């Protein structure tokens, strides 16, 4: 059975994808806690300021929430 990884995706004002990064530093359980989810997180979850610091550590990027909309999505590996 293939594992599912979580991806952080950024979108600009025109809804165009401007970047994506694997989330390697957080296990599913921690992501579920961050986003208040009990399921496997196969949907798309918007990133708010409450989740930003943990996602920055897990991806190594600085999130610019004033400029981009970020979402955590599932991607097949």
Protein backbone atom coordinates (compact mmCIF):
# COMPACT_ATOMS: atom_id res chain seq x y z
CA UNK A 1 0.00 0.00 0.00
CA UNK A 2 1.43 3.38 -1.01
CA UNK A 3 1.87 6.00 1.67
CA UNK A 4 0.28 9.40 1.37
CA UNK A 5 2.39 12.46 1.99
CA UNK A 6 1.08 15.87 2.91
CA UNK A 7 2.03 18.80 0.69
CA UNK A 8 1.97 22.50 1.48
CA UNK A 9 0.74 24.45 -1.55
CA UNK A 10 0.75 28.22 -2.10
CA UNK A 11 -1.61 30.10 -4.41
CA UNK A 12 -1.45 33.71 -5.62
CA UNK A 13 -4.25 36.23 -6.09
CA UNK A 14 -5.19 34.68 -9.44
CA UNK A 15 -5.51 31.21 -7.83
CA UNK A 16 -2.43 30.04 -9.73
CA UNK A 17 -0.18 27.57 -7.93
CA UNK A 18 3.05 29.37 -7.06
CA UNK A 19 4.82 26.70 -5.03
CA UNK A 20 4.57 23.42 -3.20
CA UNK A 21 6.67 21.73 -0.56
CA UNK A 22 6.53 18.31 1.11
CA UNK A 23 5.77 18.37 4.81
CA UNK A 24 8.45 16.04 6.13
CA UNK A 25 8.91 17.33 9.67
CA UNK A 26 5.41 16.63 11.00
CA UNK A 27 3.67 13.30 11.43
CA UNK A 28 0.02 12.90 10.52
CA UNK A 29 -1.01 12.95 14.19
CA UNK A 30 0.59 16.40 14.69
CA UNK A 31 -1.05 17.73 11.53
CA UNK A 32 -4.40 16.43 12.75
CA UNK A 33 -3.88 18.28 16.04
CA UNK A 34 -2.83 21.49 14.24
CA UNK A 35 -5.89 21.46 12.00
CA UNK A 36 -8.37 19.96 14.47
CA UNK A 37 -9.05 16.92 12.31
CA UNK A 38 -9.71 13.33 13.35
CA UNK A 39 -9.67 11.86 9.83
CA UNK A 40 -6.74 11.01 7.57
CA UNK A 41 -6.63 14.54 6.10
CA UNK A 42 -7.23 13.70 2.45
CA UNK A 43 -8.98 17.03 1.81
CA UNK A 44 -7.47 20.47 1.37
CA UNK A 45 -6.98 22.45 4.59
CA UNK A 46 -6.38 26.21 4.60
CA UNK A 47 -3.40 27.37 6.64
CA UNK A 48 -4.01 30.10 9.19
CA UNK A 49 -1.58 31.94 11.43
CA UNK A 50 -2.10 29.35 14.18
CA UNK A 51 -0.51 26.65 12.00
CA UNK A 52 2.14 28.77 10.26
CA UNK A 53 5.06 28.37 12.69
CA UNK A 54 4.84 24.56 12.76
CA UNK A 55 4.58 24.38 8.97
CA UNK A 56 7.52 26.75 8.54
CA UNK A 57 9.65 24.43 10.67
CA UNK A 58 8.44 21.35 8.76
CA UNK A 59 9.06 22.81 5.29
CA UNK A 60 11.97 25.19 5.85
CA UNK A 61 10.17 28.05 4.14
CA UNK A 62 8.79 31.32 5.47
CA UNK A 63 5.06 31.64 4.89
CA UNK A 64 3.83 35.00 3.64
CA UNK A 65 0.18 34.75 4.66
CA UNK A 66 -0.46 38.35 3.62
CA UNK A 67 0.55 37.62 0.04
CA UNK A 68 -0.38 33.97 -0.58
CA UNK A 69 -3.07 31.50 0.39
CA UNK A 70 -1.60 28.23 1.68
CA UNK A 71 -3.26 24.85 1.89
CA UNK A 72 -2.22 21.46 3.19
CA UNK A 73 -3.24 18.73 0.77
CA UNK A 74 -2.63 15.01 0.47
CA UNK A 75 -0.51 13.73 -2.40
CA UNK A 76 0.13 10.13 -3.38
CA UNK A 77 3.70 8.91 -3.18
